[in-house]
Amino acid sequence: MMSNITTMAVVVDAKNEQARAFSEYHGFTVFPGQPKRLYLPMAMIARQFS
């Protein structure tokens, strides 16, 4: 039996400021009020592969 999984974004927790800067450089956005947690919407990832 197959099931569908829907994903809205990739979420990362940056270990330090260098990791945060790296993620932001690659298009990730910081969650409001959580400076080390970032996300990248799947729509942006899909565009990279089209």
N, C-alpha and C. Protein backbone atom coordinates (compact mmCIF):
# COMPACT_ATOMS: atom_id res chain seq x y z
N MET A 1 0.84 -1.18 0.00
CA MET A 1 0.00 0.00 0.00
C MET A 1 0.88 1.25 0.00
N MET A 2 0.60 2.16 -0.89
CA MET A 2 1.37 3.41 -0.96
C MET A 2 0.61 4.52 -0.24
N SER A 3 1.36 5.37 0.38
CA SER A 3 0.75 6.54 1.01
C SER A 3 1.48 7.79 0.54
N ASN A 4 0.80 8.88 0.59
CA ASN A 4 1.38 10.16 0.20
C ASN A 4 1.83 10.91 1.44
N ILE A 5 2.98 11.51 1.34
CA ILE A 5 3.49 12.34 2.42
C ILE A 5 3.64 13.76 1.87
N THR A 6 3.07 14.69 2.55
CA THR A 6 3.17 16.09 2.13
C THR A 6 4.16 16.81 3.04
N THR A 7 5.09 17.50 2.44
CA THR A 7 6.08 18.26 3.18
C THR A 7 5.99 19.71 2.74
N MET A 8 5.95 20.60 3.71
CA MET A 8 5.83 22.02 3.39
C MET A 8 7.17 22.73 3.35
N ALA A 9 8.14 22.25 4.16
CA ALA A 9 9.43 22.93 4.23
C ALA A 9 10.47 22.02 4.86
N VAL A 10 11.71 22.37 4.63
CA VAL A 10 12.82 21.74 5.33
C VAL A 10 13.20 22.69 6.46
N VAL A 11 13.30 22.16 7.67
CA VAL A 11 13.63 22.97 8.85
C VAL A 11 14.99 22.53 9.36
N VAL A 12 15.84 23.51 9.66
CA VAL A 12 17.17 23.21 10.22
C VAL A 12 17.38 24.02 11.49
N ASP A 13 18.18 23.45 12.39
CA ASP A 13 18.62 24.16 13.59
C ASP A 13 20.11 24.40 13.45
N ALA A 14 20.48 25.66 13.27
CA ALA A 14 21.88 26.01 13.08
C ALA A 14 22.64 25.85 14.40
N LYS A 15 23.80 25.24 14.33
CA LYS A 15 24.61 25.01 15.53
C LYS A 15 25.29 26.29 16.01
N ASN A 16 25.57 27.21 15.07
CA ASN A 16 26.26 28.44 15.42
C ASN A 16 25.97 29.51 14.36
N GLU A 17 26.55 30.67 14.53
CA GLU A 17 26.28 31.77 13.59
C GLU A 17 26.80 31.48 12.19
N GLN A 18 27.91 30.78 12.10
CA GLN A 18 28.44 30.43 10.78
C GLN A 18 27.47 29.51 10.03
N ALA A 19 26.91 28.55 10.73
CA ALA A 19 25.92 27.64 10.12
C ALA A 19 24.66 28.41 9.73
N ARG A 20 24.26 29.34 10.58
CA ARG A 20 23.08 30.15 10.27
C ARG A 20 23.33 30.98 9.00
N ALA A 21 24.50 31.62 8.92
CA ALA A 21 24.83 32.43 7.75
C ALA A 21 24.86 31.57 6.49
N PHE A 22 25.39 30.37 6.58
CA PHE A 22 25.44 29.45 5.44
C PHE A 22 24.03 29.13 4.97
N SER A 23 23.15 28.82 5.92
CA SER A 23 21.76 28.49 5.56
C SER A 23 21.05 29.68 4.93
N GLU A 24 21.24 30.86 5.50
CA GLU A 24 20.61 32.06 4.94
C GLU A 24 21.13 32.34 3.54
N TYR A 25 22.41 32.12 3.32
CA TYR A 25 23.00 32.32 1.99
C TYR A 25 22.31 31.42 0.96
N HIS A 26 21.89 30.24 1.39
CA HIS A 26 21.25 29.28 0.49
C HIS A 26 19.73 29.39 0.48
N GLY A 27 19.20 30.49 1.00
CA GLY A 27 17.79 30.79 0.85
C GLY A 27 16.89 30.47 2.03
N PHE A 28 17.45 29.92 3.10
CA PHE A 28 16.64 29.62 4.28
C PHE A 28 16.23 30.91 4.97
N THR A 29 15.08 30.89 5.63
CA THR A 29 14.54 32.03 6.35
C THR A 29 14.49 31.70 7.84
N VAL A 30 14.84 32.68 8.67
CA VAL A 30 14.83 32.48 10.12
C VAL A 30 13.39 32.53 10.64
N PHE A 31 13.04 31.59 11.54
CA PHE A 31 11.75 31.65 12.21
C PHE A 31 11.73 32.87 13.12
N PRO A 32 10.63 33.62 13.16
CA PRO A 32 10.54 34.77 14.06
C PRO A 32 10.74 34.34 15.51
N GLY A 33 11.62 35.04 16.21
CA GLY A 33 11.87 34.76 17.61
C GLY A 33 12.74 33.55 17.88
N GLN A 34 13.23 32.88 16.82
CA GLN A 34 14.09 31.71 16.99
C GLN A 34 15.29 31.85 16.05
N PRO A 35 16.29 32.62 16.46
CA PRO A 35 17.37 32.99 15.55
C PRO A 35 18.21 31.83 14.98
N LYS A 36 18.15 30.65 15.59
CA LYS A 36 18.94 29.53 15.07
C LYS A 36 18.09 28.48 14.36
N ARG A 37 16.80 28.72 14.23
CA ARG A 37 15.91 27.78 13.51
C ARG A 37 15.50 28.44 12.20
N LEU A 38 15.75 27.74 11.10
CA LEU A 38 15.48 28.28 9.78
C LEU A 38 14.67 27.27 8.96
N TYR A 39 14.01 27.78 7.92
CA TYR A 39 13.24 26.90 7.05
C TYR A 39 13.40 27.31 5.59
N LEU A 40 13.18 26.34 4.72
CA LEU A 40 13.20 26.56 3.27
C LEU A 40 11.96 25.87 2.71
N PRO A 41 11.02 26.64 2.16
CA PRO A 41 9.79 26.05 1.62
C PRO A 41 10.09 25.06 0.48
N MET A 42 9.31 24.00 0.44
CA MET A 42 9.48 22.98 -0.61
C MET A 42 9.29 23.58 -1.99
N ALA A 43 8.46 24.60 -2.11
CA ALA A 43 8.27 25.23 -3.43
C ALA A 43 9.58 25.78 -3.97
N MET A 44 10.40 26.34 -3.08
CA MET A 44 11.70 26.86 -3.52
C MET A 44 12.63 25.72 -3.90
N ILE A 45 12.59 24.63 -3.16
CA ILE A 45 13.41 23.47 -3.48
C ILE A 45 12.98 22.88 -4.83
N ALA A 46 11.69 22.77 -5.05
CA ALA A 46 11.18 22.22 -6.31
C ALA A 46 11.65 23.05 -7.50
N ARG A 47 11.69 24.38 -7.34
CA ARG A 47 12.17 25.25 -8.44
C ARG A 47 13.62 24.96 -8.79
N GLN A 48 14.41 24.56 -7.80
CA GLN A 48 15.82 24.25 -8.05
C GLN A 48 15.98 23.03 -8.96
N PHE A 49 14.99 22.13 -8.93
CA PHE A 49 15.06 20.90 -9.70
C PHE A 49 14.28 20.95 -11.01
N SER A 50 13.65 22.08 -11.29
CA SER A 50 12.88 22.16 -12.53
C SER A 50 13.64 22.87 -13.63
